[in-house]
Amino acid sequence: MNVVLAAPRGFCAGVDRAIQIVEQAIARFGAPVYVRHEIVHNRHVVERLQKIGAVFVEELDEAPTDRPVVFSAHGVPKSVPAEAERRNMIYVDATCPLVSKVHVEAQRHYNNGAEIVLIGHAGHPEVVGTLGQLPDGVIQLVETVEDARNFQPKQPDKLAFVTQTTLSVDDTAEIVGILQERFPAIAAPHKEDICYATTNRQAAVKAMAERCDVVLVIGSETSSNSKRLVEVAVRAGARHAALVEDADAVDWPILDTAGTVGITAGASAPETLVENLITAIGERFETSVEELRVTDEDVVFKLPRILSSEAAE
């Protein structure tokens, strides 16, 4: 069995920062520290943080007012920190800075009187957070090519679009193309909203997929960027692709007739899960492992000032 490892893969800077925020909040304030929603979409990450003192809740009113609360990397509606302030809670916002960039763009377009289109998946926490930056009904959600074709704006001459950061690059380009063809004046982001990590991981999968009989994507079913990697792998030529949470979730018979298996991991999946999967394959097949790297990543995001040593003092 030839194992091809896509690179980059796994944790992005926003996920790494969010996890560090929970760890540092526990170190500074002691346990428990409450976290609104899963900090990132990965069960293994969540369970490890629970063991050191994180308590995950769905809504802010489930957290006591005398303990700190962390907001997830996906971002939250403006009403959430406003409610935390009303309750005099200590809160730490772990929203990925690239998601915050989308929030700022949406606010700028709103301030300029533009009608805003958000390309994304309904119900995803990031989309919920972006929609919640502005009054109800201000942002119109477009999910599919069909939505883009049928969208009827109130003011076609003053339109702008933003996107969820974890979408398929190709799917989004198709939707944007339709909107730009229908509404040539539509304003685009200064810099693409789909984040560098999503773009790089999809590019790595495209580069290896044609060589692979099977591509295994390590990630959670709730992880948008991980699910997109499966779709990208199939489109790029892999005979079969599957989303697996870890090595225990692999349907091993699909590898019996495979000569080459590709492995990647979504942006919220720890590298230990990749290592465990390679070990599990090695226990079943005589394997060789090679890494296919399309680019290097050196992005690092600072932690919020509330967690800094100066703030503690």
C-alpha atoms as a PDB file:
ATOM      1  CA  MET A   1       0.000   0.000   0.000  1.00  0.00           C
ATOM      2  CA  ASN A   2       1.368   3.380  -1.020  1.00  0.00           C
ATOM      3  CA  VAL A   3       0.197   6.101   1.369  1.00  0.00           C
ATOM      4  CA  VAL A   4       0.224   9.676   0.073  1.00  0.00           C
ATOM      5  CA  LEU A   5      -0.049  12.392   2.724  1.00  0.00           C
ATOM      6  CA  ALA A   6      -1.498  15.708   1.592  1.00  0.00           C
ATOM      7  CA  ALA A   7       0.248  18.796   2.919  1.00  0.00           C
ATOM      8  CA  PRO A   8      -0.804  21.178   4.280  1.00  0.00           C
ATOM      9  CA  ARG A   9      -3.403  19.292   6.321  1.00  0.00           C
ATOM     10  CA  GLY A  10      -4.944  19.469   9.780  1.00  0.00           C
ATOM     11  CA  PHE A  11      -4.936  22.409  12.173  1.00  0.00           C
ATOM     12  CA  CYS A  12      -5.037  25.912  10.714  1.00  0.00           C
ATOM     13  CA  ALA A  13      -3.928  29.029  12.590  1.00  0.00           C
ATOM     14  CA  GLY A  14      -7.488  29.932  13.612  1.00  0.00           C
ATOM     15  CA  VAL A  15      -8.158  26.488  15.109  1.00  0.00           C
ATOM     16  CA  ASP A  16      -4.789  26.415  16.853  1.00  0.00           C
ATOM     17  CA  ARG A  17      -5.483  29.861  18.333  1.00  0.00           C
ATOM     18  CA  ALA A  18      -8.979  28.861  19.517  1.00  0.00           C
ATOM     19  CA  ILE A  19      -7.684  25.764  21.301  1.00  0.00           C
ATOM     20  CA  GLN A  20      -4.893  27.782  22.919  1.00  0.00           C
ATOM     21  CA  ILE A  21      -7.469  30.321  24.095  1.00  0.00           C
ATOM     22  CA  VAL A  22      -9.419  27.645  25.985  1.00  0.00           C
ATOM     23  CA  GLU A  23      -6.216  26.183  27.453  1.00  0.00           C
ATOM     24  CA  GLN A  24      -4.917  29.593  28.506  1.00  0.00           C
ATOM     25  CA  ALA A  25      -8.289  30.638  29.942  1.00  0.00           C
ATOM     26  CA  ILE A  26      -8.305  27.519  32.139  1.00  0.00           C
ATOM     27  CA  ALA A  27      -4.693  28.202  33.169  1.00  0.00           C
ATOM     28  CA  ARG A  28      -5.474  31.811  34.064  1.00  0.00           C
ATOM     29  CA  PHE A  29      -8.967  31.567  35.587  1.00  0.00           C
ATOM     30  CA  GLY A  30      -8.985  27.953  36.763  1.00  0.00           C
ATOM     31  CA  ALA A  31     -11.597  25.321  35.945  1.00  0.00           C
ATOM     32  CA  PRO A  32     -14.311  25.309  34.927  1.00  0.00           C
ATOM     33  CA  VAL A  33     -14.255  27.599  31.931  1.00  0.00           C
ATOM     34  CA  TYR A  34     -17.428  27.520  29.855  1.00  0.00           C
ATOM     35  CA  VAL A  35     -17.349  27.383  26.050  1.00  0.00           C
ATOM     36  CA  ARG A  36     -20.361  28.365  23.966  1.00  0.00           C
ATOM     37  CA  HIS A  37     -20.672  25.715  21.240  1.00  0.00           C
ATOM     38  CA  GLU A  38     -17.863  23.334  20.303  1.00  0.00           C
ATOM     39  CA  ILE A  39     -14.696  25.434  20.183  1.00  0.00           C
ATOM     40  CA  VAL A  40     -13.921  23.692  16.871  1.00  0.00           C
ATOM     41  CA  HIS A  41     -15.724  20.857  15.104  1.00  0.00           C
ATOM     42  CA  ASN A  42     -13.788  17.859  16.348  1.00  0.00           C
ATOM     43  CA  ARG A  43     -14.845  15.404  19.050  1.00  0.00           C
ATOM     44  CA  HIS A  44     -11.287  14.490  20.028  1.00  0.00           C
ATOM     45  CA  VAL A  45     -10.355  18.130  20.623  1.00  0.00           C
ATOM     46  CA  VAL A  46     -13.533  18.771  22.610  1.00  0.00           C
ATOM     47  CA  GLU A  47     -13.073  15.685  24.810  1.00  0.00           C
ATOM     48  CA  ARG A  48      -9.446  16.584  25.597  1.00  0.00           C
ATOM     49  CA  LEU A  49     -10.452  20.106  26.622  1.00  0.00           C
ATOM     50  CA  GLN A  50     -13.280  18.740  28.763  1.00  0.00           C
ATOM     51  CA  LYS A  51     -10.734  16.656  30.677  1.00  0.00           C
ATOM     52  CA  ILE A  52      -8.747  19.761  31.659  1.00  0.00           C
ATOM     53  CA  GLY A  53     -11.769  21.812  32.731  1.00  0.00           C
ATOM     54  CA  ALA A  54     -13.769  23.094  29.757  1.00  0.00           C
ATOM     55  CA  VAL A  55     -17.562  22.832  29.934  1.00  0.00           C
ATOM     56  CA  PHE A  56     -19.337  23.074  26.587  1.00  0.00           C
ATOM     57  CA  VAL A  57     -22.804  24.615  26.412  1.00  0.00           C
ATOM     58  CA  GLU A  58     -25.083  25.501  23.531  1.00  0.00           C
ATOM     59  CA  GLU A  59     -26.329  28.855  24.777  1.00  0.00           C
ATOM     60  CA  LEU A  60     -24.968  31.567  27.023  1.00  0.00           C
ATOM     61  CA  ASP A  61     -27.741  31.226  29.618  1.00  0.00           C
ATOM     62  CA  GLU A  62     -26.436  27.718  30.421  1.00  0.00           C
ATOM     63  CA  ALA A  63     -23.218  29.263  31.784  1.00  0.00           C
ATOM     64  CA  PRO A  64     -23.076  30.795  35.300  1.00  0.00           C
ATOM     65  CA  THR A  65     -22.241  34.474  35.511  1.00  0.00           C
ATOM     66  CA  ASP A  66     -19.313  33.930  37.898  1.00  0.00           C
ATOM     67  CA  ARG A  67     -17.239  31.845  35.459  1.00  0.00           C
ATOM     68  CA  PRO A  68     -15.492  32.911  32.221  1.00  0.00           C
ATOM     69  CA  VAL A  69     -17.003  31.941  28.888  1.00  0.00           C
ATOM     70  CA  VAL A  70     -15.236  31.457  25.546  1.00  0.00           C
ATOM     71  CA  PHE A  71     -16.952  31.983  22.182  1.00  0.00           C
ATOM     72  CA  SER A  72     -16.101  29.436  19.491  1.00  0.00           C
ATOM     73  CA  ALA A  73     -13.797  29.926  16.491  1.00  0.00           C
ATOM     74  CA  HIS A  74     -16.808  30.088  14.162  1.00  0.00           C
ATOM     75  CA  GLY A  75     -17.948  33.471  15.455  1.00  0.00           C
ATOM     76  CA  VAL A  76     -21.155  34.546  17.193  1.00  0.00           C
ATOM     77  CA  PRO A  77     -23.977  37.010  16.550  1.00  0.00           C
ATOM     78  CA  LYS A  78     -23.451  40.448  18.122  1.00  0.00           C
ATOM     79  CA  SER A  79     -26.254  39.676  20.558  1.00  0.00           C
ATOM     80  CA  VAL A  80     -24.088  37.085  22.345  1.00  0.00           C
ATOM     81  CA  PRO A  81     -21.257  39.337  23.653  1.00  0.00           C
ATOM     82  CA  ALA A  82     -23.879  42.008  24.331  1.00  0.00           C
ATOM     83  CA  GLU A  83     -25.741  39.566  26.567  1.00  0.00           C
ATOM     84  CA  ALA A  84     -22.475  38.529  28.270  1.00  0.00           C
ATOM     85  CA  GLU A  85     -21.770  42.186  29.052  1.00  0.00           C
ATOM     86  CA  ARG A  86     -25.298  42.668  30.349  1.00  0.00           C
ATOM     87  CA  ARG A  87     -24.717  39.740  32.728  1.00  0.00           C
ATOM     88  CA  ASN A  88     -21.287  41.142  33.753  1.00  0.00           C
ATOM     89  CA  MET A  89     -19.541  37.995  32.558  1.00  0.00           C
ATOM     90  CA  ILE A  90     -15.870  37.649  31.704  1.00  0.00           C
ATOM     91  CA  TYR A  91     -15.769  36.460  28.101  1.00  0.00           C
ATOM     92  CA  VAL A  92     -13.033  35.647  25.609  1.00  0.00           C
ATOM     93  CA  ASP A  93     -13.808  35.739  21.906  1.00  0.00           C
ATOM     94  CA  ALA A  94     -12.016  32.934  20.023  1.00  0.00           C
ATOM     95  CA  THR A  95     -13.524  33.886  16.655  1.00  0.00           C
ATOM     96  CA  CYS A  96     -11.008  33.199  13.896  1.00  0.00           C
ATOM     97  CA  PRO A  97      -9.595  36.541  12.687  1.00  0.00           C
ATOM     98  CA  LEU A  98     -10.441  35.538   9.108  1.00  0.00           C
ATOM     99  CA  VAL A  99     -14.083  35.118  10.113  1.00  0.00           C
ATOM    100  CA  SER A 100     -13.945  38.484  11.879  1.00  0.00           C
ATOM    101  CA  LYS A 101     -12.688  39.938   8.583  1.00  0.00           C
ATOM    102  CA  VAL A 102     -15.945  38.786   6.927  1.00  0.00           C
ATOM    103  CA  HIS A 103     -17.940  40.407   9.745  1.00  0.00           C
ATOM    104  CA  VAL A 104     -16.109  43.697   9.199  1.00  0.00           C
ATOM    105  CA  GLU A 105     -16.755  43.535   5.439  1.00  0.00           C
ATOM    106  CA  ALA A 106     -20.464  42.917   5.961  1.00  0.00           C
ATOM    107  CA  GLN A 107     -20.688  45.852   8.375  1.00  0.00           C
ATOM    108  CA  ARG A 108     -18.850  48.122   5.911  1.00  0.00           C
ATOM    109  CA  HIS A 109     -21.197  47.210   3.065  1.00  0.00           C
ATOM    110  CA  TYR A 110     -24.198  47.802   5.336  1.00  0.00           C
ATOM    111  CA  ASN A 111     -22.857  51.198   6.382  1.00  0.00           C
ATOM    112  CA  ASN A 112     -22.476  52.070   2.685  1.00  0.00           C
ATOM    113  CA  GLY A 113     -26.115  51.195   2.013  1.00  0.00           C
ATOM    114  CA  ALA A 114     -25.429  48.045  -0.017  1.00  0.00           C
ATOM    115  CA  GLU A 115     -27.636  44.972  -0.120  1.00  0.00           C
ATOM    116  CA  ILE A 116     -25.532  42.024   1.079  1.00  0.00           C
ATOM    117  CA  VAL A 117     -25.379  38.456  -0.191  1.00  0.00           C
ATOM    118  CA  LEU A 118     -23.749  35.801   1.993  1.00  0.00           C
ATOM    119  CA  ILE A 119     -22.616  32.652   0.165  1.00  0.00           C
ATOM    120  CA  GLY A 120     -22.676  29.817   2.695  1.00  0.00           C
ATOM    121  CA  HIS A 121     -24.503  26.895   4.267  1.00  0.00           C
ATOM    122  CA  ALA A 122     -27.659  27.596   6.279  1.00  0.00           C
ATOM    123  CA  GLY A 123     -27.386  26.636   9.928  1.00  0.00           C
ATOM    124  CA  HIS A 124     -23.594  26.444  10.039  1.00  0.00           C
ATOM    125  CA  PRO A 125     -22.355  28.305  13.153  1.00  0.00           C
ATOM    126  CA  GLU A 126     -20.166  30.585  11.063  1.00  0.00           C
ATOM    127  CA  VAL A 127     -23.120  31.590   8.890  1.00  0.00           C
ATOM    128  CA  VAL A 128     -25.323  32.102  11.950  1.00  0.00           C
ATOM    129  CA  GLY A 129     -22.637  34.348  13.421  1.00  0.00           C
ATOM    130  CA  THR A 130     -22.234  36.395  10.228  1.00  0.00           C
ATOM    131  CA  LEU A 131     -25.991  36.832   9.758  1.00  0.00           C
ATOM    132  CA  GLY A 132     -26.139  37.997  13.379  1.00  0.00           C
ATOM    133  CA  GLN A 133     -23.739  40.884  12.803  1.00  0.00           C
ATOM    134  CA  LEU A 134     -26.530  42.965  11.257  1.00  0.00           C
ATOM    135  CA  PRO A 135     -30.281  43.402  11.736  1.00  0.00           C
ATOM    136  CA  ASP A 136     -32.536  40.505  10.682  1.00  0.00           C
ATOM    137  CA  GLY A 137     -33.195  40.332   6.946  1.00  0.00           C
ATOM    138  CA  VAL A 138     -30.323  42.617   5.926  1.00  0.00           C
ATOM    139  CA  ILE A 139     -28.135  39.754   4.631  1.00  0.00           C
ATOM    140  CA  GLN A 140     -29.534  37.357   2.015  1.00  0.00           C
ATOM    141  CA  LEU A 141     -28.158  33.791   2.095  1.00  0.00           C
ATOM    142  CA  VAL A 142     -27.250  32.087  -1.186  1.00  0.00           C
ATOM    143  CA  GLU A 143     -26.304  28.410  -0.850  1.00  0.00           C
ATOM    144  CA  THR A 144     -26.325  26.971  -4.367  1.00  0.00           C
ATOM    145  CA  VAL A 145     -25.914  27.742  -8.047  1.00  0.00           C
ATOM    146  CA  GLU A 146     -29.687  27.562  -8.354  1.00  0.00           C
ATOM    147  CA  ASP A 147     -30.076  30.113  -5.544  1.00  0.00           C
ATOM    148  CA  ALA A 148     -27.669  32.425  -7.392  1.00  0.00           C
ATOM    149  CA  ARG A 149     -29.699  32.119 -10.593  1.00  0.00           C
ATOM    150  CA  ASN A 150     -32.998  32.793  -8.821  1.00  0.00           C
ATOM    151  CA  PHE A 151     -31.879  35.543  -6.434  1.00  0.00           C
ATOM    152  CA  GLN A 152     -33.882  38.736  -6.862  1.00  0.00           C
ATOM    153  CA  PRO A 153     -32.278  41.691  -5.063  1.00  0.00           C
ATOM    154  CA  LYS A 154     -34.155  44.781  -4.002  1.00  0.00           C
ATOM    155  CA  GLN A 155     -31.410  47.048  -5.361  1.00  0.00           C
ATOM    156  CA  PRO A 156     -29.433  45.279  -8.128  1.00  0.00           C
ATOM    157  CA  ASP A 157     -27.185  48.330  -8.662  1.00  0.00           C
ATOM    158  CA  LYS A 158     -25.922  48.322  -5.065  1.00  0.00           C
ATOM    159  CA  LEU A 159     -25.043  44.749  -4.215  1.00  0.00           C
ATOM    160  CA  ALA A 160     -22.106  43.202  -2.364  1.00  0.00           C
ATOM    161  CA  PHE A 161     -21.200  39.643  -1.444  1.00  0.00           C
ATOM    162  CA  VAL A 162     -19.237  37.933   1.315  1.00  0.00           C
ATOM    163  CA  THR A 163     -18.686  34.212   1.838  1.00  0.00           C
ATOM    164  CA  GLN A 164     -18.311  31.591   4.526  1.00  0.00           C
ATOM    165  CA  THR A 165     -14.586  30.879   4.960  1.00  0.00           C
ATOM    166  CA  THR A 166     -14.753  27.062   4.631  1.00  0.00           C
ATOM    167  CA  LEU A 167     -16.512  26.554   1.299  1.00  0.00           C
ATOM    168  CA  SER A 168     -15.439  24.633  -1.783  1.00  0.00           C
ATOM    169  CA  VAL A 169     -13.257  26.986  -3.804  1.00  0.00           C
ATOM    170  CA  ASP A 170     -14.649  25.686  -7.114  1.00  0.00           C
ATOM    171  CA  ASP A 171     -18.311  25.692  -6.052  1.00  0.00           C
ATOM    172  CA  THR A 172     -18.008  29.211  -4.699  1.00  0.00           C
ATOM    173  CA  ALA A 173     -16.308  30.436  -7.871  1.00  0.00           C
ATOM    174  CA  GLU A 174     -19.247  29.092  -9.889  1.00  0.00           C
ATOM    175  CA  ILE A 175     -21.784  30.849  -7.655  1.00  0.00           C
ATOM    176  CA  VAL A 176     -19.800  34.101  -7.728  1.00  0.00           C
ATOM    177  CA  GLY A 177     -19.518  33.845 -11.514  1.00  0.00           C
ATOM    178  CA  ILE A 178     -23.289  33.642 -11.870  1.00  0.00           C
ATOM    179  CA  LEU A 179     -23.853  36.588  -9.527  1.00  0.00           C
ATOM    180  CA  GLN A 180     -21.262  38.695 -11.346  1.00  0.00           C
ATOM    181  CA  GLU A 181     -22.766  37.829 -14.729  1.00  0.00           C
ATOM    182  CA  ARG A 182     -26.253  38.771 -13.534  1.00  0.00           C
ATOM    183  CA  PHE A 183     -25.154  41.813 -11.531  1.00  0.00           C
ATOM    184  CA  PRO A 184     -21.916  43.220 -12.994  1.00  0.00           C
ATOM    185  CA  ALA A 185     -21.722  45.965 -10.358  1.00  0.00           C
ATOM    186  CA  ILE A 186     -21.739  43.552  -7.396  1.00  0.00           C
ATOM    187  CA  ALA A 187     -18.906  44.374  -4.990  1.00  0.00           C
ATOM    188  CA  ALA A 188     -16.484  41.558  -4.142  1.00  0.00           C
ATOM    189  CA  PRO A 189     -14.266  41.225  -1.048  1.00  0.00           C
ATOM    190  CA  HIS A 190     -10.934  43.065  -1.280  1.00  0.00           C
ATOM    191  CA  LYS A 191      -9.309  39.704  -0.562  1.00  0.00           C
ATOM    192  CA  GLU A 192     -11.111  36.382  -1.014  1.00  0.00           C
ATOM    193  CA  ASP A 193     -13.109  35.340   2.055  1.00  0.00           C
ATOM    194  CA  ILE A 194     -12.427  31.605   1.723  1.00  0.00           C
ATOM    195  CA  CYS A 195      -9.510  31.250   4.101  1.00  0.00           C
ATOM    196  CA  TYR A 196      -5.958  30.357   3.123  1.00  0.00           C
ATOM    197  CA  ALA A 197      -6.156  27.032   5.007  1.00  0.00           C
ATOM    198  CA  THR A 198      -9.291  25.869   3.206  1.00  0.00           C
ATOM    199  CA  THR A 199      -7.762  26.837  -0.151  1.00  0.00           C
ATOM    200  CA  ASN A 200      -4.430  25.141   0.592  1.00  0.00           C
ATOM    201  CA  ARG A 201      -5.986  21.901   1.840  1.00  0.00           C
ATOM    202  CA  GLN A 202      -8.221  21.658  -1.203  1.00  0.00           C
ATOM    203  CA  ALA A 203      -5.248  22.333  -3.491  1.00  0.00           C
ATOM    204  CA  ALA A 204      -3.250  19.544  -1.828  1.00  0.00           C
ATOM    205  CA  VAL A 205      -6.120  17.088  -2.266  1.00  0.00           C
ATOM    206  CA  LYS A 206      -6.489  18.047  -5.927  1.00  0.00           C
ATOM    207  CA  ALA A 207      -2.774  17.416  -6.452  1.00  0.00           C
ATOM    208  CA  MET A 208      -2.881  13.886  -5.034  1.00  0.00           C
ATOM    209  CA  ALA A 209      -6.408  12.651  -5.812  1.00  0.00           C
ATOM    210  CA  GLU A 210      -5.820  11.417  -9.362  1.00  0.00           C
ATOM    211  CA  ARG A 211      -3.101   9.085  -8.094  1.00  0.00           C
ATOM    212  CA  CYS A 212      -5.314   7.621  -5.362  1.00  0.00           C
ATOM    213  CA  ASP A 213      -7.702   4.694  -5.402  1.00  0.00           C
ATOM    214  CA  VAL A 214      -9.064   5.877  -2.067  1.00  0.00           C
ATOM    215  CA  VAL A 215      -8.787   9.209  -0.238  1.00  0.00           C
ATOM    216  CA  LEU A 216      -9.491   9.261   3.499  1.00  0.00           C
ATOM    217  CA  VAL A 217     -10.306  12.659   5.004  1.00  0.00           C
ATOM    218  CA  ILE A 218      -9.983  12.797   8.776  1.00  0.00           C
ATOM    219  CA  GLY A 219     -12.592  15.130  10.183  1.00  0.00           C
ATOM    220  CA  SER A 220     -15.940  15.490  11.864  1.00  0.00           C
ATOM    221  CA  GLU A 221     -19.306  15.168  10.138  1.00  0.00           C
ATOM    222  CA  THR A 222     -20.056  18.686  11.431  1.00  0.00           C
ATOM    223  CA  SER A 223     -16.874  20.130   9.870  1.00  0.00           C
ATOM    224  CA  SER A 224     -17.689  22.031   6.687  1.00  0.00           C
ATOM    225  CA  ASN A 225     -14.107  22.232   5.446  1.00  0.00           C
ATOM    226  CA  SER A 226     -13.590  18.474   5.977  1.00  0.00           C
ATOM    227  CA  LYS A 227     -16.720  17.556   4.004  1.00  0.00           C
ATOM    228  CA  ARG A 228     -15.603  19.801   1.163  1.00  0.00           C
ATOM    229  CA  LEU A 229     -12.293  17.894   0.988  1.00  0.00           C
ATOM    230  CA  VAL A 230     -14.192  14.667   0.292  1.00  0.00           C
ATOM    231  CA  GLU A 231     -16.070  16.334  -2.553  1.00  0.00           C
ATOM    232  CA  VAL A 232     -12.881  17.841  -3.960  1.00  0.00           C
ATOM    233  CA  ALA A 233     -11.125  14.450  -3.911  1.00  0.00           C
ATOM    234  CA  VAL A 234     -13.844  12.758  -5.969  1.00  0.00           C
ATOM    235  CA  ARG A 235     -14.010  15.599  -8.477  1.00  0.00           C
ATOM    236  CA  ALA A 236     -10.233  15.563  -8.851  1.00  0.00           C
ATOM    237  CA  GLY A 237     -10.134  11.886  -9.814  1.00  0.00           C
ATOM    238  CA  ALA A 238     -10.029   9.696  -6.716  1.00  0.00           C
ATOM    239  CA  ARG A 239     -11.909   6.442  -7.263  1.00  0.00           C
ATOM    240  CA  HIS A 240     -13.421   6.699  -3.805  1.00  0.00           C
ATOM    241  CA  ALA A 241     -13.274   9.220  -0.929  1.00  0.00           C
ATOM    242  CA  ALA A 242     -14.600   9.005   2.612  1.00  0.00           C
ATOM    243  CA  LEU A 243     -14.843  11.189   5.694  1.00  0.00           C
ATOM    244  CA  VAL A 244     -13.616   9.335   8.791  1.00  0.00           C
ATOM    245  CA  GLU A 245     -13.476  10.635  12.341  1.00  0.00           C
ATOM    246  CA  ASP A 246     -10.462   8.479  13.180  1.00  0.00           C
ATOM    247  CA  ALA A 247      -8.845   5.118  12.362  1.00  0.00           C
ATOM    248  CA  ASP A 248     -11.626   3.245  14.177  1.00  0.00           C
ATOM    249  CA  ALA A 249     -14.170   4.671  11.723  1.00  0.00           C
ATOM    250  CA  VAL A 250     -12.467   3.371   8.552  1.00  0.00           C
ATOM    251  CA  ASP A 251     -14.399   0.878   6.430  1.00  0.00           C
ATOM    252  CA  TRP A 252     -11.330  -1.291   5.907  1.00  0.00           C
ATOM    253  CA  PRO A 253     -12.667  -3.492   3.041  1.00  0.00           C
ATOM    254  CA  ILE A 254     -12.570  -0.443   0.711  1.00  0.00           C
ATOM    255  CA  LEU A 255      -8.770  -0.523   1.005  1.00  0.00           C
ATOM    256  CA  ASP A 256      -8.431  -4.217   0.087  1.00  0.00           C
ATOM    257  CA  THR A 257      -8.288  -3.513  -3.653  1.00  0.00           C
ATOM    258  CA  ALA A 258      -6.483  -0.165  -3.373  1.00  0.00           C
ATOM    259  CA  GLY A 259      -2.861   0.281  -4.374  1.00  0.00           C
ATOM    260  CA  THR A 260      -2.621   3.914  -3.278  1.00  0.00           C
ATOM    261  CA  VAL A 261      -4.512   5.632  -0.459  1.00  0.00           C
ATOM    262  CA  GLY A 262      -4.416   9.384   0.075  1.00  0.00           C
ATOM    263  CA  ILE A 263      -4.761  10.864   3.552  1.00  0.00           C
ATOM    264  CA  THR A 264      -5.599  14.387   4.582  1.00  0.00           C
ATOM    265  CA  ALA A 265      -7.230  16.052   7.581  1.00  0.00           C
ATOM    266  CA  GLY A 266      -9.675  18.893   7.977  1.00  0.00           C
ATOM    267  CA  ALA A 267      -8.565  22.120   9.640  1.00  0.00           C
ATOM    268  CA  SER A 268      -9.886  21.079  13.068  1.00  0.00           C
ATOM    269  CA  ALA A 269      -8.398  17.540  13.119  1.00  0.00           C
ATOM    270  CA  PRO A 270      -5.294  16.917  15.282  1.00  0.00           C
ATOM    271  CA  GLU A 271      -2.190  15.450  13.610  1.00  0.00           C
ATOM    272  CA  THR A 272      -2.247  12.565  16.117  1.00  0.00           C
ATOM    273  CA  LEU A 273      -5.319  11.222  14.289  1.00  0.00           C
ATOM    274  CA  VAL A 274      -3.316  11.169  11.043  1.00  0.00           C
ATOM    275  CA  GLU A 275      -0.462   9.349  12.766  1.00  0.00           C
ATOM    276  CA  ASN A 276      -2.852   6.803  14.270  1.00  0.00           C
ATOM    277  CA  LEU A 277      -4.422   6.162  10.859  1.00  0.00           C
ATOM    278  CA  ILE A 278      -1.032   5.583   9.231  1.00  0.00           C
ATOM    279  CA  THR A 279      -0.167   3.149  12.038  1.00  0.00           C
ATOM    280  CA  ALA A 280      -3.481   1.311  11.548  1.00  0.00           C
ATOM    281  CA  ILE A 281      -2.850   0.989   7.796  1.00  0.00           C
ATOM    282  CA  GLY A 282       0.669  -0.255   8.507  1.00  0.00           C
ATOM    283  CA  GLU A 283      -0.727  -2.978  10.747  1.00  0.00           C
ATOM    284  CA  ARG A 284      -2.845  -4.297   7.865  1.00  0.00           C
ATOM    285  CA  PHE A 285      -0.646  -3.691   4.808  1.00  0.00           C
ATOM    286  CA  GLU A 286       2.995  -3.434   3.901  1.00  0.00           C
ATOM    287  CA  THR A 287       3.173   0.326   3.377  1.00  0.00           C
ATOM    288  CA  SER A 288       5.327   3.098   2.001  1.00  0.00           C
ATOM    289  CA  VAL A 289       4.549   6.688   2.960  1.00  0.00           C
ATOM    290  CA  GLU A 290       5.247   9.854   0.973  1.00  0.00           C
ATOM    291  CA  GLU A 291       4.174  13.442   1.545  1.00  0.00           C
ATOM    292  CA  LEU A 292       2.842  15.595  -1.281  1.00  0.00           C
ATOM    293  CA  ARG A 293       3.274  19.236  -0.283  1.00  0.00           C
ATOM    294  CA  VAL A 294       1.798  22.067  -2.355  1.00  0.00           C
ATOM    295  CA  THR A 295       2.771  24.963  -0.086  1.00  0.00           C
ATOM    296  CA  ASP A 296       4.075  25.877   3.368  1.00  0.00           C
ATOM    297  CA  GLU A 297       2.016  27.739   5.942  1.00  0.00           C
ATOM    298  CA  ASP A 298       3.470  30.159   8.481  1.00  0.00           C
ATOM    299  CA  VAL A 299       0.346  32.034   9.606  1.00  0.00           C
ATOM    300  CA  VAL A 300       0.080  32.700  13.347  1.00  0.00           C
ATOM    301  CA  PHE A 301      -2.665  34.668  15.112  1.00  0.00           C
ATOM    302  CA  LYS A 302      -2.117  36.456  18.420  1.00  0.00           C
ATOM    303  CA  LEU A 303      -4.138  35.502  21.476  1.00  0.00           C
ATOM    304  CA  PRO A 304      -6.622  38.039  22.903  1.00  0.00           C
ATOM    305  CA  ARG A 305      -5.061  40.574  25.258  1.00  0.00           C
ATOM    306  CA  ILE A 306      -7.201  39.383  28.192  1.00  0.00           C
ATOM    307  CA  LEU A 307      -5.059  36.235  28.272  1.00  0.00           C
ATOM    308  CA  SER A 308      -1.717  38.013  28.085  1.00  0.00           C
ATOM    309  CA  SER A 309       0.654  38.209  31.054  1.00  0.00           C
ATOM    310  CA  GLU A 310       0.260  41.995  31.113  1.00  0.00           C
ATOM    311  CA  ALA A 311      -3.511  41.672  31.477  1.00  0.00           C
ATOM    312  CA  ALA A 312      -3.084  39.128  34.259  1.00  0.00           C
ATOM    313  CA  GLU A 313      -0.891  41.550  36.155  1.00  0.00           C
END
